[in-house]
Amino acid sequence: MLQHKQWITGKVGEWLQGVDCEGAPIVYALAVDLSPFRTVTSVEPAAELTVVINPDAPADSAKVKKAINELASTYGCDCNCRVTISGSPPRGKGLGSSSIDIASALLAIRDRLGLRISSSELFKLMCRVERSDYLFNPESIVSANPSDGRCSVVGPAPKCLVLAWDTDPSGAVNTEAVRHLDVARRPFGQEYRELTDMMQSGEIEAVLRAATRSAEINERILPKNGFSAAYKFVNALPGVGLIAAHTGTCLGFVFPEPIDQDLERYVRSFIADRYATKPMIFGVGTRKF
């Protein structure tokens, strides 16, 4: 009998990505519950494990297979099945495609087998396979170490609208190939601790300031096309933040509720005029924009 698990919550960049007091990587993913990418994962019994991602244009499924085999080995379960993942976001953009694929497959198999495994345990398993984003609770801001799987809920995510665009449509960033960026971030350790305190405060103005400053620091390490114009523009706007995919190619403007419709239209026009593109729309906090 075919069983389905729908995984629609992905991410668009990070509120903050830096290092903690020990110099270890720390990521506050901007997890979303409204996205132009609707990922649906189905699982059905099979004689052996097979994984297909985006059947019309198949993507590499090795990481998902490795994660499923890790699940089978760790929890002693039979994971022979056919997994089909449709609607996975494009790779290397900062949209969490690999984490979405792995998380959705693990969730689907967990539910199909009736396993009692927490989201935090699944995240630790994911991080044994590759550097991963914590995307299981989009209603919360979560601090996570993407390498060893440590994570903790900071507080509720603010209700926001994000207008994002790809700064390099023909390019991509290989997350596994830029681990050296963690070392490059260490000289900013004291400032990251201050930004972390701002994130921990839960105050939307502080969160947006931390996100914008984190994006600015990251620009020194992994530059993006058109960043300076976006940064200058956002600094002239009231109550709007700038979000960056710290290991991807996307940028976005973040509007907390209540949304100023005139301001939103103004920003949409800026993106269309300056970058000659239509923004992707993401939502945080369950509101349907």
Protein backbone atom coordinates (compact mmCIF):
# COMPACT_ATOMS: atom_id res chain seq x y z
CA MET A 1 0.00 0.00 0.00
CA LEU A 2 1.42 3.37 -1.05
CA GLN A 3 2.02 5.76 1.81
CA HIS A 4 2.83 9.44 1.60
CA LYS A 5 4.60 11.98 3.72
CA GLN A 6 4.37 15.56 2.62
CA TRP A 7 7.22 17.86 3.59
CA ILE A 8 6.49 21.45 2.55
CA THR A 9 8.64 23.37 5.01
CA GLY A 10 12.04 24.27 3.68
CA LYS A 11 14.16 27.35 4.25
CA VAL A 12 15.46 30.46 2.57
CA GLY A 13 18.92 31.25 3.87
CA GLU A 14 19.72 31.83 7.53
CA TRP A 15 18.76 34.32 10.20
CA LEU A 16 22.32 33.91 11.40
CA GLN A 17 25.26 31.70 10.55
CA GLY A 18 28.48 32.02 12.51
CA VAL A 19 30.46 30.35 15.27
CA ASP A 20 29.78 29.83 18.97
CA CYS A 21 32.07 30.58 21.91
CA GLU A 22 34.04 27.40 21.19
CA GLY A 23 34.53 28.26 17.54
CA ALA A 24 32.07 25.57 16.40
CA PRO A 25 29.60 26.35 13.59
CA ILE A 26 26.17 27.61 14.60
CA VAL A 27 23.21 28.13 12.28
CA TYR A 28 19.79 29.69 12.78
CA ALA A 29 18.05 28.54 9.60
CA LEU A 30 15.20 30.70 8.34
CA ALA A 31 12.75 27.80 8.12
CA VAL A 32 9.54 28.60 6.28
CA ASP A 33 6.06 27.14 6.09
CA LEU A 34 5.14 28.82 2.81
CA SER A 35 7.40 28.25 -0.19
CA PRO A 36 7.19 28.17 -3.99
CA PHE A 37 8.76 24.70 -3.74
CA ARG A 38 6.27 22.03 -2.64
CA THR A 39 8.18 18.86 -1.81
CA VAL A 40 6.17 15.63 -1.57
CA THR A 41 7.76 12.32 -0.57
CA SER A 42 6.13 8.93 -1.03
CA VAL A 43 7.29 5.57 0.35
CA GLU A 44 6.19 2.08 -0.65
CA PRO A 45 7.53 -1.40 0.17
CA ALA A 46 10.15 -2.85 -2.19
CA ALA A 47 12.63 -5.70 -2.40
CA GLU A 48 15.52 -3.26 -2.00
CA LEU A 49 16.08 0.40 -1.23
CA THR A 50 15.71 2.77 -4.17
CA VAL A 51 15.47 6.56 -4.10
CA VAL A 52 14.38 8.84 -6.93
CA ILE A 53 14.51 12.63 -6.54
CA ASN A 54 12.59 14.83 -8.99
CA PRO A 55 11.71 12.02 -11.44
CA ASP A 56 11.49 14.30 -14.50
CA ALA A 57 15.07 15.48 -13.96
CA PRO A 58 16.62 13.09 -11.43
CA ALA A 59 19.05 14.49 -8.87
CA ASP A 60 21.76 12.59 -7.03
CA SER A 61 20.16 10.40 -4.36
CA ALA A 62 23.30 9.02 -2.68
CA LYS A 63 22.97 11.17 0.46
CA VAL A 64 19.34 10.18 1.00
CA LYS A 65 20.21 6.49 0.60
CA LYS A 66 23.07 6.87 3.06
CA ALA A 67 20.76 8.51 5.61
CA ILE A 68 18.14 5.77 5.25
CA ASN A 69 20.78 3.08 5.68
CA GLU A 70 22.03 4.93 8.75
CA LEU A 71 18.48 4.91 10.12
CA ALA A 72 18.20 1.15 9.47
CA SER A 73 21.56 0.45 11.13
CA THR A 74 20.96 2.68 14.16
CA TYR A 75 17.42 1.56 14.94
CA GLY A 76 17.49 -1.99 13.58
CA CYS A 77 14.61 -1.57 11.15
CA ASP A 78 13.91 -2.87 7.65
CA CYS A 79 14.11 0.14 5.34
CA ASN A 80 13.82 -1.69 2.03
CA CYS A 81 11.44 0.54 0.12
CA ARG A 82 11.02 2.77 -2.88
CA VAL A 83 11.26 6.47 -2.00
CA THR A 84 10.12 9.09 -4.51
CA ILE A 85 10.74 12.77 -3.78
CA SER A 86 9.06 15.33 -6.04
CA GLY A 87 9.33 19.11 -6.02
CA SER A 88 12.73 19.32 -4.33
CA PRO A 89 14.26 22.83 -4.62
CA PRO A 90 17.27 23.57 -6.85
CA ARG A 91 20.68 22.71 -5.44
CA GLY A 92 23.31 25.09 -4.08
CA LYS A 93 20.97 28.06 -3.66
CA GLY A 94 20.58 28.13 0.11
CA LEU A 95 17.08 26.66 0.03
CA GLY A 96 17.99 23.52 2.00
CA SER A 97 17.37 21.04 -0.82
CA SER A 98 19.58 18.25 0.57
CA SER A 99 18.22 18.67 4.10
CA ILE A 100 14.65 18.69 2.79
CA ASP A 101 15.25 15.50 0.80
CA ILE A 102 16.86 13.65 3.70
CA ALA A 103 14.44 14.90 6.36
CA SER A 104 11.36 14.15 4.28
CA ALA A 105 12.55 10.61 3.52
CA LEU A 106 13.38 9.89 7.17
CA LEU A 107 10.05 11.30 8.35
CA ALA A 108 8.13 9.25 5.78
CA ILE A 109 9.89 6.01 6.74
CA ARG A 110 9.58 6.75 10.45
CA ASP A 111 5.83 7.24 10.09
CA ARG A 112 5.40 4.22 7.83
CA LEU A 113 7.20 1.95 10.30
CA GLY A 114 5.67 3.56 13.37
CA LEU A 115 9.07 4.32 14.89
CA ARG A 116 9.37 6.43 18.02
CA ILE A 117 12.19 8.75 17.01
CA SER A 118 12.23 12.44 17.91
CA SER A 119 13.03 15.22 15.48
CA SER A 120 16.22 16.03 17.38
CA GLU A 121 17.35 12.40 17.04
CA LEU A 122 16.62 12.46 13.32
CA PHE A 123 18.64 15.67 13.01
CA LYS A 124 21.65 14.09 14.71
CA LEU A 125 21.38 11.19 12.29
CA MET A 126 21.23 13.62 9.34
CA CYS A 127 24.39 15.37 10.53
CA ARG A 128 26.23 12.05 10.57
CA VAL A 129 25.57 11.87 6.83
CA GLU A 130 26.33 15.48 5.88
CA ARG A 131 26.22 19.05 7.14
CA SER A 132 22.49 19.64 7.61
CA ASP A 133 19.86 22.27 8.36
CA TYR A 134 17.33 21.85 11.16
CA LEU A 135 13.94 22.27 9.45
CA PHE A 136 11.57 20.19 11.58
CA ASN A 137 9.91 23.03 13.53
CA PRO A 138 9.34 26.03 11.22
CA GLU A 139 7.17 27.65 13.88
CA SER A 140 10.30 28.13 15.99
CA ILE A 141 13.74 29.69 15.67
CA VAL A 142 16.21 26.89 16.33
CA SER A 143 19.93 27.18 17.05
CA ALA A 144 21.79 24.23 15.56
CA ASN A 145 25.27 22.91 14.98
CA PRO A 146 25.03 21.63 11.39
CA SER A 147 27.90 19.22 11.86
CA ASP A 148 27.33 17.37 15.14
CA GLY A 149 23.54 17.72 15.42
CA ARG A 150 23.29 19.72 18.65
CA CYS A 151 20.19 21.93 18.59
CA SER A 152 17.91 23.94 20.85
CA VAL A 153 14.73 25.95 20.38
CA VAL A 154 15.31 29.66 20.92
CA GLY A 155 11.68 30.75 20.74
CA PRO A 156 8.75 31.25 18.36
CA ALA A 157 9.53 32.40 14.84
CA PRO A 158 8.17 35.85 14.00
CA LYS A 159 5.45 35.99 11.38
CA CYS A 160 7.19 37.31 8.29
CA LEU A 161 7.05 37.64 4.54
CA VAL A 162 10.30 37.09 2.63
CA LEU A 163 10.84 38.37 -0.92
CA ALA A 164 13.91 36.51 -2.19
CA TRP A 165 15.84 36.21 -5.42
CA ASP A 166 18.72 34.20 -6.83
CA THR A 167 21.81 36.39 -7.19
CA ASP A 168 23.51 33.87 -9.48
CA PRO A 169 20.96 31.84 -11.48
CA SER A 170 23.63 29.92 -13.36
CA GLY A 171 25.78 29.20 -10.29
CA ALA A 172 25.59 27.13 -7.13
CA VAL A 173 27.47 26.64 -3.86
CA ASN A 174 28.59 23.17 -2.78
CA THR A 175 27.98 23.21 0.97
CA GLU A 176 30.39 20.36 1.59
CA ALA A 177 33.16 22.19 -0.28
CA VAL A 178 33.02 25.35 1.83
CA ARG A 179 33.63 23.99 5.31
CA HIS A 180 36.63 26.33 5.46
CA LEU A 181 34.16 29.19 5.88
CA ASP A 182 33.69 28.12 9.50
CA VAL A 183 37.33 28.98 10.11
CA ALA A 184 36.97 32.26 8.21
CA ARG A 185 34.13 33.23 10.56
CA ARG A 186 36.10 32.74 13.77
CA PRO A 187 37.70 36.23 13.79
CA PHE A 188 34.15 37.58 14.11
CA GLY A 189 33.45 35.33 17.12
CA GLN A 190 32.78 38.14 19.60
CA GLU A 191 30.34 39.83 17.25
CA TYR A 192 28.58 36.54 16.54
CA ARG A 193 28.08 36.14 20.29
CA GLU A 194 26.46 39.57 20.38
CA LEU A 195 24.29 38.67 17.39
CA THR A 196 23.35 35.42 19.10
CA ASP A 197 22.17 37.39 22.13
CA MET A 198 20.01 39.46 19.78
CA MET A 199 18.53 36.29 18.31
CA GLN A 200 17.91 34.90 21.79
CA SER A 201 15.99 38.05 22.78
CA GLY A 202 13.12 37.10 20.49
CA GLU A 203 12.48 40.77 19.67
CA ILE A 204 11.73 41.09 15.98
CA GLU A 205 13.72 44.31 15.53
CA ALA A 206 16.77 42.68 17.14
CA VAL A 207 16.33 39.52 15.05
CA LEU A 208 16.21 41.52 11.82
CA ARG A 209 19.26 43.57 12.80
CA ALA A 210 21.16 40.38 13.62
CA ALA A 211 20.15 38.82 10.29
CA THR A 212 21.20 41.88 8.32
CA ARG A 213 24.56 42.13 10.12
CA SER A 214 25.19 38.40 9.68
CA ALA A 215 24.53 38.81 5.95
CA GLU A 216 26.97 41.73 5.86
CA ILE A 217 29.73 39.75 7.60
CA ASN A 218 29.14 36.84 5.25
CA GLU A 219 29.57 39.13 2.25
CA ARG A 220 33.22 39.52 3.22
CA ILE A 221 33.64 35.75 3.15
CA LEU A 222 31.39 34.59 0.30
CA PRO A 223 30.38 37.60 -1.85
CA LYS A 224 27.10 37.75 -3.76
CA ASN A 225 26.23 39.61 -6.93
CA GLY A 226 24.33 42.80 -6.15
CA PHE A 227 24.73 42.59 -2.37
CA SER A 228 25.94 46.16 -1.88
CA ALA A 229 22.85 47.60 -3.59
CA ALA A 230 20.53 45.40 -1.51
CA TYR A 231 22.35 46.30 1.71
CA LYS A 232 22.23 50.03 0.98
CA PHE A 233 18.55 49.75 0.04
CA VAL A 234 17.50 47.85 3.18
CA ASN A 235 19.26 50.34 5.45
CA ALA A 236 16.95 53.04 4.12
CA LEU A 237 13.79 51.01 4.82
CA PRO A 238 11.83 51.08 8.10
CA GLY A 239 11.53 47.73 9.88
CA VAL A 240 12.83 45.51 7.04
CA GLY A 241 15.73 43.05 7.29
CA LEU A 242 18.08 41.47 4.78
CA ILE A 243 18.45 37.70 4.76
CA ALA A 244 21.29 35.82 3.08
CA ALA A 245 21.94 32.23 2.14
CA HIS A 246 25.33 32.07 3.84
CA THR A 247 26.34 29.02 1.78
CA GLY A 248 24.10 29.65 -1.21
CA THR A 249 23.23 32.25 -3.83
CA CYS A 250 19.94 33.70 -2.56
CA LEU A 251 19.21 37.02 -0.87
CA GLY A 252 15.90 38.27 0.46
CA PHE A 253 14.12 41.12 2.19
CA VAL A 254 12.20 40.21 5.35
CA PHE A 255 8.97 41.99 6.35
CA PRO A 256 7.52 41.30 9.80
CA GLU A 257 3.77 41.49 10.32
CA PRO A 258 1.80 43.67 9.99
CA ILE A 259 2.90 44.02 6.39
CA ASP A 260 3.02 47.54 4.97
CA GLN A 261 1.52 46.87 1.53
CA ASP A 262 2.92 50.05 -0.02
CA LEU A 263 6.38 49.23 1.27
CA GLU A 264 6.09 45.67 -0.03
CA ARG A 265 5.18 46.95 -3.51
CA TYR A 266 8.11 49.36 -3.37
CA VAL A 267 10.53 46.54 -2.57
CA ARG A 268 9.06 44.30 -5.27
CA SER A 269 9.67 47.11 -7.77
CA PHE A 270 13.25 47.49 -6.55
CA ILE A 271 13.95 43.79 -7.07
CA ALA A 272 12.36 43.84 -10.53
CA ASP A 273 14.20 46.98 -11.62
CA ARG A 274 17.59 46.31 -10.03
CA TYR A 275 17.86 42.55 -10.57
CA ALA A 276 15.48 42.05 -13.51
CA THR A 277 13.64 39.21 -11.79
CA LYS A 278 10.41 38.43 -10.00
CA PRO A 279 10.93 37.62 -6.31
CA MET A 280 10.22 34.22 -4.81
CA ILE A 281 7.73 34.50 -1.94
CA PHE A 282 8.30 32.68 1.34
CA GLY A 283 6.26 32.85 4.53
CA VAL A 284 7.13 32.31 8.19
CA GLY A 285 4.59 31.82 10.96
CA THR A 286 1.73 29.98 9.16
CA ARG A 287 0.20 33.10 7.62
CA LYS A 288 -1.00 32.64 4.03
CA PHE A 289 0.22 35.63 2.05
